[in-house]
């Protein structure tokens, strides 16, 4: 994924993995399963498996906006949507090294402990023209990296249609509702994570259009 140029958008998704055979993923675009990171920054051996289903739903949401995109999946979650935040930092660093157009990070932290390292990663990404899309708030508090300068911060907004995220006041506003997918129950996840995926897909479509 290192050589960017004209053509489909290149997107890295940091989540719970992806089920490539899922009917809303298979045939929608190029999908590569990358590493599964642990808290020590080590890539765990073995095939990437999405036991949670969240990453698959996020990838499907992105493809819904921008079919034909090239997606690379990095796994940080397993059976629950949580992990040590060090794992997320390693995943973001790996994602930046791939030189994509966009990084979908449907997660964040309100903990100020991670603000400085995240600002450094955003600076590195920005210098390479990489846009990191992430939630800007968490239960009314700033969420990092989405609330930081240089990120594409997203706010879940019930009034916004799925197909048309809007930028307002420096942040994106997008629908919190995922698509309906067979074999996955995404209703329990409705919220900022899917608002982020809608914005990533919307931006991926713009990247593809501008490169064609």
Protein backbone atom coordinates (compact mmCIF):
# COMPACT_ATOMS: atom_id res chain seq x y z
CA UNK A 1 0.00 0.00 0.00
CA UNK A 2 3.03 2.31 0.09
CA UNK A 3 2.80 3.73 -3.45
CA UNK A 4 -0.10 6.16 -3.62
CA UNK A 5 -1.33 7.61 -6.87
CA UNK A 6 -4.39 7.85 -9.09
CA UNK A 7 -7.04 5.22 -8.60
CA UNK A 8 -9.16 3.86 -5.74
CA UNK A 9 -8.76 5.28 -2.25
CA UNK A 10 -6.41 3.42 0.06
CA UNK A 11 -7.85 3.00 3.55
CA UNK A 12 -6.46 1.36 6.69
CA UNK A 13 -9.09 0.17 9.18
CA UNK A 14 -7.96 -0.35 12.79
CA UNK A 15 -10.60 -2.50 14.47
CA UNK A 16 -11.51 -6.14 15.20
CA UNK A 17 -10.45 -7.58 11.85
CA UNK A 18 -12.62 -8.34 8.85
CA UNK A 19 -14.54 -11.30 7.44
CA UNK A 20 -13.49 -11.17 3.80
CA UNK A 21 -16.14 -13.72 2.80
CA UNK A 22 -19.01 -11.64 4.20
CA UNK A 23 -21.49 -10.82 1.39
CA UNK A 24 -21.22 -7.07 2.07
CA UNK A 25 -17.42 -7.24 1.84
CA UNK A 26 -16.65 -9.90 -0.77
CA UNK A 27 -16.34 -8.38 -4.22
CA UNK A 28 -16.77 -4.80 -2.99
CA UNK A 29 -13.08 -3.92 -3.27
CA UNK A 30 -9.58 -5.07 -2.49
CA UNK A 31 -9.22 -6.20 1.14
CA UNK A 32 -5.97 -7.24 2.81
CA UNK A 33 -5.84 -8.68 6.33
CA UNK A 34 -2.80 -7.24 8.06
CA UNK A 35 -1.35 -7.94 11.50
CA UNK A 36 -3.01 -8.43 14.87
CA UNK A 37 -1.16 -6.31 17.43
CA UNK A 38 -0.79 -7.00 21.13
CA UNK A 39 0.03 -4.50 23.90
CA UNK A 40 3.77 -5.01 23.36
CA UNK A 41 3.51 -3.90 19.76
CA UNK A 42 4.13 -7.41 18.51
CA UNK A 43 2.29 -8.82 15.52
CA UNK A 44 0.70 -12.04 16.72
CA UNK A 45 1.01 -15.11 14.49
CA UNK A 46 -1.97 -16.71 12.80
CA UNK A 47 -4.74 -15.69 10.47
CA UNK A 48 -6.74 -12.55 11.26
CA UNK A 49 -10.24 -13.51 12.45
CA UNK A 50 -13.07 -11.08 13.22
CA UNK A 51 -14.80 -12.71 16.18
CA UNK A 52 -16.59 -9.52 17.16
CA UNK A 53 -18.02 -8.55 13.78
CA UNK A 54 -17.47 -4.83 14.41
CA UNK A 55 -14.57 -4.46 11.98
CA UNK A 56 -16.52 -6.24 9.26
CA UNK A 57 -19.46 -3.87 9.76
CA UNK A 58 -17.11 -0.86 9.62
CA UNK A 59 -15.49 -2.11 6.40
CA UNK A 60 -18.92 -2.72 4.87
CA UNK A 61 -20.00 0.81 5.81
CA UNK A 62 -16.94 2.27 4.07
CA UNK A 63 -17.55 0.16 0.97
CA UNK A 64 -21.15 1.36 0.96
CA UNK A 65 -19.86 4.87 0.27
CA UNK A 66 -16.80 4.00 -1.80
CA UNK A 67 -17.00 0.59 -3.52
CA UNK A 68 -13.77 -0.40 -5.17
CA UNK A 69 -11.60 1.09 -2.44
CA UNK A 70 -8.47 -0.71 -1.29
CA UNK A 71 -8.76 -1.61 2.41
CA UNK A 72 -6.10 -2.91 4.76
CA UNK A 73 -7.27 -4.31 8.10
CA UNK A 74 -5.27 -4.06 11.33
CA UNK A 75 -6.73 -5.96 14.28
CA UNK A 76 -6.55 -4.61 17.85
CA UNK A 77 -9.85 -5.99 19.28
CA UNK A 78 -10.78 -9.62 19.77
CA UNK A 79 -14.00 -10.70 21.49
CA UNK A 80 -14.70 -7.31 23.10
CA UNK A 81 -14.30 -3.75 21.72
CA UNK A 82 -11.46 -2.85 24.05
CA UNK A 83 -7.69 -3.15 24.26
CA UNK A 84 -4.73 -1.44 25.97
CA UNK A 85 -4.27 1.93 24.34
CA UNK A 86 -0.61 1.17 23.68
CA UNK A 87 -1.89 -1.35 21.15
CA UNK A 88 -3.74 1.41 19.33
CA UNK A 89 -0.58 3.54 19.17
CA UNK A 90 1.37 0.67 17.60
CA UNK A 91 -1.45 0.11 15.11
CA UNK A 92 -1.58 3.78 14.11
CA UNK A 93 2.19 3.88 13.64
CA UNK A 94 2.01 0.78 11.44
CA UNK A 95 -0.88 2.29 9.49
CA UNK A 96 1.04 5.51 8.79
CA UNK A 97 3.97 3.46 7.51
CA UNK A 98 1.69 1.98 4.86
CA UNK A 99 1.13 5.47 3.39
CA UNK A 100 -2.64 5.20 2.83
CA UNK A 101 -4.98 8.05 2.02
CA UNK A 102 -7.11 7.49 5.11
CA UNK A 103 -6.97 5.71 8.45
CA UNK A 104 -10.33 4.72 9.97
CA UNK A 105 -10.03 4.71 13.75
CA UNK A 106 -13.53 4.08 15.11
CA UNK A 107 -12.27 4.46 18.65
CA UNK A 108 -10.51 6.93 20.89
CA UNK A 109 -9.72 7.86 24.48
CA UNK A 110 -10.58 10.78 26.78
CA UNK A 111 -7.37 10.10 28.74
CA UNK A 112 -4.94 13.04 28.50
CA UNK A 113 -2.06 10.63 29.08
CA UNK A 114 -2.16 9.72 25.38
CA UNK A 115 -2.55 13.23 23.99
CA UNK A 116 1.15 13.94 23.32
CA UNK A 117 1.99 10.66 21.54
CA UNK A 118 -1.19 11.00 19.48
CA UNK A 119 -0.30 14.57 18.49
CA UNK A 120 3.09 13.33 17.27
CA UNK A 121 1.46 10.58 15.21
CA UNK A 122 -1.01 13.07 13.73
CA UNK A 123 1.87 15.36 12.78
CA UNK A 124 3.67 12.49 11.05
CA UNK A 125 0.48 11.50 9.23
CA UNK A 126 -0.24 15.07 8.17
CA UNK A 127 3.22 15.53 6.69
CA UNK A 128 2.53 12.52 4.47
CA UNK A 129 -0.95 13.68 3.48
CA UNK A 130 -2.64 10.94 5.51
CA UNK A 131 -5.99 11.76 7.13
CA UNK A 132 -6.90 10.00 10.37
CA UNK A 133 -10.65 9.82 10.98
CA UNK A 134 -11.73 9.31 14.61
CA UNK A 135 -14.46 10.25 17.14
CA UNK A 136 -14.16 13.80 18.45
CA UNK A 137 -16.10 13.20 21.64
CA UNK A 138 -16.82 10.50 24.20
CA UNK A 139 -19.86 10.96 26.46
CA UNK A 140 -19.55 14.72 26.22
CA UNK A 141 -15.78 14.80 26.73
CA UNK A 142 -13.08 15.32 24.08
CA UNK A 143 -11.90 12.05 22.58
CA UNK A 144 -8.36 11.68 21.28
CA UNK A 145 -7.06 11.70 18.60
CA UNK A 146 -10.31 12.88 16.99
CA UNK A 147 -10.52 16.10 19.03
CA UNK A 148 -6.93 17.06 18.23
CA UNK A 149 -5.81 19.45 15.52
CA UNK A 150 -4.88 17.56 12.39
CA UNK A 151 -7.46 14.80 12.85
CA UNK A 152 -10.72 14.41 10.96
CA UNK A 153 -12.86 14.56 14.10
CA UNK A 154 -16.38 13.11 13.90
CA UNK A 155 -19.51 13.67 15.98
CA UNK A 156 -22.46 11.26 15.80
CA UNK A 157 -25.56 13.19 14.74
CA UNK A 158 -29.01 11.57 14.48
CA UNK A 159 -30.18 14.34 12.14
CA UNK A 160 -27.65 13.51 9.42
CA UNK A 161 -28.42 10.98 6.69
CA UNK A 162 -26.08 8.00 6.32
CA UNK A 163 -25.09 8.94 2.79
CA UNK A 164 -24.28 12.59 3.46
CA UNK A 165 -21.90 13.50 6.33
CA UNK A 166 -21.47 17.25 6.77
CA UNK A 167 -18.66 19.39 8.14
CA UNK A 168 -19.73 21.92 10.75
CA UNK A 169 -17.64 23.92 13.20
CA UNK A 170 -14.42 22.11 12.32
CA UNK A 171 -15.83 18.63 12.94
CA UNK A 172 -17.70 16.17 10.79
CA UNK A 173 -21.28 15.28 11.70
CA UNK A 174 -22.46 11.88 10.53
CA UNK A 175 -25.16 9.30 11.12
CA UNK A 176 -24.45 6.89 13.98
CA UNK A 177 -26.39 4.10 12.27
CA UNK A 178 -24.58 1.25 10.52
CA UNK A 179 -26.04 -0.61 7.54
CA UNK A 180 -28.10 -3.71 8.17
CA UNK A 181 -25.85 -6.72 7.62
CA UNK A 182 -26.77 -10.42 7.51
CA UNK A 183 -25.15 -12.46 10.25
CA UNK A 184 -24.09 -9.38 12.25
CA UNK A 185 -26.08 -7.49 14.87
CA UNK A 186 -24.69 -3.97 14.59
CA UNK A 187 -27.58 -2.20 16.36
CA UNK A 188 -25.77 -2.52 19.69
CA UNK A 189 -22.84 -0.61 18.21
CA UNK A 190 -24.78 2.32 16.77
CA UNK A 191 -22.86 5.46 17.68
CA UNK A 192 -19.67 7.34 16.98
CA UNK A 193 -17.79 4.32 15.60
CA UNK A 194 -20.15 4.13 12.63
CA UNK A 195 -20.32 7.90 12.26
CA UNK A 196 -16.54 7.66 11.75
CA UNK A 197 -16.94 4.88 9.16
CA UNK A 198 -19.49 6.98 7.24
CA UNK A 199 -17.05 9.90 7.09
CA UNK A 200 -14.16 7.65 6.06
CA UNK A 201 -16.26 6.19 3.26
CA UNK A 202 -17.42 9.64 2.18
CA UNK A 203 -13.82 10.91 2.05
CA UNK A 204 -12.67 7.73 0.27
CA UNK A 205 -15.22 8.39 -2.45
CA UNK A 206 -13.90 11.94 -2.84
CA UNK A 207 -10.31 10.65 -3.06
CA UNK A 208 -11.29 8.17 -5.77
CA UNK A 209 -13.23 10.81 -7.70
CA UNK A 210 -10.37 13.31 -7.60
CA UNK A 211 -7.88 10.67 -8.72
CA UNK A 212 -9.91 9.42 -11.65
